[in-house]
Amino acid sequence: RQSSIVNRQSSIVNRQSSIVNRQSSIVNRQSLGPGMYLDIENWNRRDTFHFFKTYDNPFFNIVADVDVTRLREYVRRHELSFFITSLYLTNRTANDIENFRYRIQGDKIRVYESVYAGSTVLNEDDTFGFCYFPYQDSFREYYRVGVAALADYRSGRSFDPRDDADDVLHYSVIPWVSFRSFSHARKYNSADSVPKLVMGKYREDAGRLQMPLSVEVHHSLMDGVHVGRYFQKLQAYLDDPETVLDV
């Protein structure tokens, strides 16, 4: 009988623990206040946010290789643009991780439902401009819109940095260099908190294709663990592109 009582008590404790976990999950989901702003005071990174917010340069940068062997095979088989396809996968990964959708607006943190890619594009005269790729969950639709966006840029080429937009990811592409580090030009008096991604030249290493990827983010909004998760999730997509690329 005592054993039965112990088992019932253990069952009650487990149910109570389950209730606490569900309540904790509810609290986390309700952390967004009116207007899709984060409830900073109840955020577990509140102190970290305030600590880095006053830094002259609060950004940190991680450069690592990602294996694009399967991705290149896939785009060649389906006659796709490697650029637009890799843009979709890196953009999708950022949208998968909530911190990549945080933006500092004054004393608040805005949380966007999704963010889109804005990338440098090389012109024929070796200058560059900016092209924007509206985010679509479906790769097929993203690709269609992306091809149209590039065509529109080529036909009406303009230098449009969209300095006032923050629901964006800033991209650059350096296809001539398999770099090991990267540093961005920066206005230190600006309120910029937009993540910046740079894709480099892929190279063969032990029979695999490795592409350097630079990810630069605002330390008030995320830490190394979030960037680490970004690389892990992106690599999972790259290793099995068929799961997300609905051609």
Protein backbone atom coordinates (compact mmCIF):
# COMPACT_ATOMS: atom_id res chain seq x y z
CA ARG A 1 0.00 0.00 0.00
CA GLN A 2 2.84 2.38 0.84
CA SER A 3 4.34 1.69 -2.58
CA SER A 4 0.97 2.50 -4.17
CA ILE A 5 0.77 5.76 -2.20
CA VAL A 6 4.30 6.71 -3.27
CA ASN A 7 3.44 5.99 -6.89
CA ARG A 8 0.29 8.10 -6.68
CA GLN A 9 2.22 10.95 -5.05
CA SER A 10 4.87 10.70 -7.76
CA SER A 11 2.12 10.82 -10.39
CA ILE A 12 0.67 13.94 -8.76
CA VAL A 13 4.11 15.60 -8.71
CA ASN A 14 4.61 14.77 -12.39
CA ARG A 15 1.21 16.23 -13.28
CA GLN A 16 1.98 19.37 -11.28
CA SER A 17 5.35 19.66 -13.03
CA SER A 18 3.58 19.29 -16.37
CA ILE A 19 1.14 22.06 -15.42
CA VAL A 20 4.04 24.34 -14.41
CA ASN A 21 5.78 23.65 -17.73
CA ARG A 22 2.60 24.44 -19.66
CA GLN A 23 2.10 27.65 -17.66
CA SER A 24 5.72 28.62 -18.32
CA SER A 25 5.16 28.03 -22.03
CA ILE A 26 2.03 30.20 -21.93
CA VAL A 27 3.97 32.99 -20.20
CA ASN A 28 6.67 32.83 -22.89
CA ARG A 29 4.10 32.99 -25.67
CA GLN A 30 2.41 35.98 -24.03
CA SER A 31 5.68 37.88 -23.70
CA LEU A 32 4.78 39.95 -26.77
CA GLY A 33 2.94 43.08 -25.74
CA PRO A 34 0.60 45.26 -27.82
CA GLY A 35 2.01 46.21 -31.21
CA MET A 36 4.26 43.13 -31.30
CA TYR A 37 6.83 44.53 -28.89
CA LEU A 38 8.78 42.31 -26.53
CA ASP A 39 8.05 42.55 -22.82
CA ILE A 40 11.63 43.46 -21.91
CA GLU A 41 11.08 43.56 -18.15
CA ASN A 42 9.99 39.90 -18.13
CA TRP A 43 12.55 38.80 -20.73
CA ASN A 44 15.21 36.41 -19.45
CA ARG A 45 17.84 38.45 -21.37
CA ARG A 46 16.75 41.81 -19.89
CA ASP A 47 20.06 42.49 -18.12
CA THR A 48 22.10 41.38 -21.13
CA PHE A 49 20.02 43.63 -23.38
CA HIS A 50 20.69 46.72 -21.26
CA PHE A 51 24.36 45.80 -20.81
CA PHE A 52 25.22 45.72 -24.53
CA LYS A 53 22.77 48.41 -25.67
CA THR A 54 25.14 51.26 -24.75
CA TYR A 55 28.23 49.78 -26.45
CA ASP A 56 29.83 51.87 -29.22
CA ASN A 57 29.89 48.70 -31.31
CA PRO A 58 27.42 46.15 -29.88
CA PHE A 59 27.68 43.79 -32.88
CA PHE A 60 29.60 40.53 -32.90
CA ASN A 61 30.51 38.44 -35.92
CA ILE A 62 30.95 34.72 -36.44
CA VAL A 63 32.39 33.29 -39.67
CA ALA A 64 32.12 29.57 -40.30
CA ASP A 65 32.00 27.20 -43.27
CA VAL A 66 28.76 25.54 -44.27
CA ASP A 67 28.72 22.41 -46.43
CA VAL A 68 26.87 23.21 -49.68
CA THR A 69 27.68 19.96 -51.51
CA ARG A 70 24.10 18.70 -51.55
CA LEU A 71 22.73 22.15 -52.32
CA ARG A 72 24.89 22.59 -55.43
CA GLU A 73 23.90 19.14 -56.63
CA TYR A 74 20.24 20.03 -56.11
CA VAL A 75 20.33 23.39 -57.92
CA ARG A 76 22.25 21.91 -60.86
CA ARG A 77 19.79 19.05 -61.16
CA HIS A 78 16.82 21.42 -61.15
CA GLU A 79 18.57 24.23 -63.10
CA LEU A 80 18.10 26.78 -60.31
CA SER A 81 20.06 29.85 -59.29
CA PHE A 82 22.48 28.97 -56.49
CA PHE A 83 22.28 32.57 -55.27
CA ILE A 84 18.49 32.77 -54.94
CA THR A 85 18.25 29.26 -53.49
CA SER A 86 20.91 29.90 -50.83
CA LEU A 87 19.29 33.28 -50.14
CA TYR A 88 16.01 31.51 -49.43
CA LEU A 89 17.56 28.94 -47.10
CA THR A 90 19.53 31.51 -45.09
CA ASN A 91 16.50 33.84 -44.93
CA ARG A 92 14.21 30.99 -43.86
CA THR A 93 16.65 29.96 -41.14
CA ALA A 94 16.68 33.51 -39.77
CA ASN A 95 12.89 33.54 -39.65
CA ASP A 96 12.92 30.20 -37.83
CA ILE A 97 14.91 31.72 -34.95
CA GLU A 98 12.91 34.43 -33.20
CA ASN A 99 15.88 36.52 -32.05
CA PHE A 100 16.82 37.16 -35.68
CA ARG A 101 13.46 38.93 -36.02
CA TYR A 102 14.06 41.29 -33.08
CA ARG A 103 14.80 44.94 -33.82
CA ILE A 104 15.62 47.75 -31.40
CA GLN A 105 13.28 50.73 -31.82
CA GLY A 106 14.12 53.37 -29.23
CA ASP A 107 13.73 51.75 -25.82
CA LYS A 108 11.60 48.92 -27.23
CA ILE A 109 12.23 45.69 -29.10
CA ARG A 110 10.01 45.09 -32.10
CA VAL A 111 9.29 41.48 -33.04
CA TYR A 112 8.49 40.95 -36.71
CA GLU A 113 6.54 37.93 -37.93
CA SER A 114 9.08 37.59 -40.72
CA VAL A 115 12.00 39.49 -42.21
CA TYR A 116 13.14 39.65 -45.83
CA ALA A 117 16.49 39.77 -47.63
CA GLY A 118 18.13 42.85 -49.06
CA SER A 119 21.30 42.00 -50.99
CA THR A 120 24.05 43.79 -52.83
CA VAL A 121 24.03 43.08 -56.57
CA LEU A 122 27.02 43.65 -58.84
CA ASN A 123 26.45 45.85 -61.87
CA GLU A 124 28.16 45.49 -65.26
CA ASP A 125 30.38 48.53 -64.55
CA ASP A 126 31.65 46.95 -61.29
CA THR A 127 29.51 49.20 -59.10
CA PHE A 128 26.77 47.70 -56.98
CA GLY A 129 23.23 48.38 -55.88
CA PHE A 130 20.65 46.84 -53.57
CA CYS A 131 17.96 44.36 -54.54
CA TYR A 132 15.16 43.25 -52.20
CA PHE A 133 13.54 39.84 -52.02
CA PRO A 134 10.11 39.71 -50.29
CA TYR A 135 9.95 36.67 -48.03
CA GLN A 136 7.67 33.79 -48.98
CA ASP A 137 7.33 30.56 -46.98
CA SER A 138 7.11 28.51 -50.16
CA PHE A 139 10.43 28.18 -51.98
CA ARG A 140 8.64 27.95 -55.31
CA GLU A 141 6.98 31.32 -54.69
CA TYR A 142 10.15 32.82 -53.20
CA TYR A 143 12.11 31.79 -56.28
CA ARG A 144 9.50 33.21 -58.66
CA VAL A 145 9.41 36.52 -56.79
CA GLY A 146 13.20 36.57 -56.49
CA VAL A 147 13.77 36.12 -60.22
CA ALA A 148 11.28 38.94 -60.88
CA ALA A 149 12.97 41.18 -58.29
CA LEU A 150 16.36 40.72 -59.97
CA ALA A 151 14.87 41.41 -63.40
CA ASP A 152 13.21 44.59 -62.09
CA TYR A 153 16.50 45.72 -60.58
CA ARG A 154 18.40 45.12 -63.82
CA SER A 155 15.84 47.06 -65.85
CA GLY A 156 15.61 50.10 -63.57
CA ARG A 157 18.88 49.95 -61.68
CA SER A 158 18.94 52.32 -58.70
CA PHE A 159 20.93 52.75 -55.49
CA ASP A 160 18.31 52.22 -52.80
CA PRO A 161 19.79 51.33 -49.37
CA ARG A 162 16.42 51.60 -47.54
CA ASP A 163 18.05 53.05 -44.44
CA ASP A 164 14.70 53.44 -42.69
CA ALA A 165 13.69 49.77 -43.04
CA ASP A 166 14.60 47.36 -40.25
CA ASP A 167 12.40 44.34 -41.06
CA VAL A 168 15.18 43.18 -43.36
CA LEU A 169 18.40 41.15 -43.36
CA HIS A 170 21.42 42.87 -44.91
CA TYR A 171 23.22 40.54 -47.35
CA SER A 172 26.44 40.79 -49.28
CA VAL A 173 27.95 38.23 -51.64
CA ILE A 174 31.70 37.90 -52.18
CA PRO A 175 31.94 35.06 -54.76
CA TRP A 176 35.64 35.73 -55.48
CA VAL A 177 37.02 35.04 -52.00
CA SER A 178 36.71 32.11 -49.60
CA PHE A 179 37.21 34.44 -46.64
CA ARG A 180 38.02 33.58 -43.02
CA SER A 181 36.85 36.81 -41.39
CA PHE A 182 34.73 39.80 -42.33
CA SER A 183 34.25 43.36 -41.10
CA HIS A 184 31.37 45.65 -42.10
CA ALA A 185 31.37 49.40 -42.66
CA ARG A 186 29.36 50.95 -39.82
CA LYS A 187 27.79 54.20 -38.67
CA TYR A 188 28.47 54.24 -34.95
CA ASN A 189 25.84 56.88 -34.23
CA SER A 190 23.02 54.90 -35.85
CA ALA A 191 20.36 52.79 -34.13
CA ASP A 192 21.01 49.87 -36.48
CA SER A 193 20.21 46.40 -35.10
CA VAL A 194 19.75 44.51 -38.39
CA PRO A 195 21.66 41.20 -38.79
CA LYS A 196 24.20 41.15 -41.62
CA LEU A 197 25.07 38.04 -43.60
CA VAL A 198 27.81 37.54 -46.17
CA MET A 199 28.24 34.50 -48.42
CA GLY A 200 31.65 33.83 -49.91
CA LYS A 201 33.21 31.61 -52.57
CA TYR A 202 32.75 27.89 -51.98
CA ARG A 203 35.79 25.64 -52.28
CA GLU A 204 36.45 21.91 -52.37
CA ASP A 205 37.83 20.34 -49.22
CA ALA A 206 38.18 16.56 -48.87
CA GLY A 207 35.58 15.99 -51.57
CA ARG A 208 33.03 18.39 -50.04
CA LEU A 209 32.11 21.95 -51.01
CA GLN A 210 32.55 24.42 -48.16
CA MET A 211 31.19 27.98 -48.31
CA PRO A 212 32.17 30.66 -45.79
CA LEU A 213 29.24 32.45 -44.18
CA SER A 214 29.59 35.56 -42.03
CA VAL A 215 26.79 36.25 -39.55
CA GLU A 216 26.93 39.56 -37.70
CA VAL A 217 24.29 40.35 -35.06
CA HIS A 218 23.50 42.83 -32.27
CA HIS A 219 24.61 41.44 -28.89
CA SER A 220 21.71 43.12 -27.10
CA LEU A 221 19.31 40.92 -29.06
CA MET A 222 21.09 37.58 -29.08
CA ASP A 223 24.13 35.63 -27.97
CA GLY A 224 26.49 33.06 -29.39
CA VAL A 225 24.02 30.27 -28.63
CA HIS A 226 21.48 31.80 -31.02
CA VAL A 227 24.03 32.16 -33.83
CA GLY A 228 25.16 28.61 -33.14
CA ARG A 229 21.58 27.40 -33.55
CA TYR A 230 21.38 29.39 -36.77
CA PHE A 231 24.37 27.55 -38.26
CA GLN A 232 23.06 24.17 -37.06
CA LYS A 233 19.58 24.70 -38.52
CA LEU A 234 20.93 26.06 -41.79
CA GLN A 235 23.27 23.09 -42.16
CA ALA A 236 20.34 20.73 -41.63
CA TYR A 237 18.53 22.41 -44.53
CA LEU A 238 21.66 22.27 -46.69
CA ASP A 239 22.18 18.57 -45.96
CA ASP A 240 18.63 17.69 -47.02
CA PRO A 241 17.37 20.44 -49.36
CA GLU A 242 14.50 18.31 -50.67
CA THR A 243 12.66 18.75 -47.34
CA VAL A 244 12.16 22.50 -47.84
CA LEU A 245 12.69 23.21 -51.54
CA ASP A 246 9.33 22.52 -53.19
CA VAL A 247 10.40 22.63 -56.83
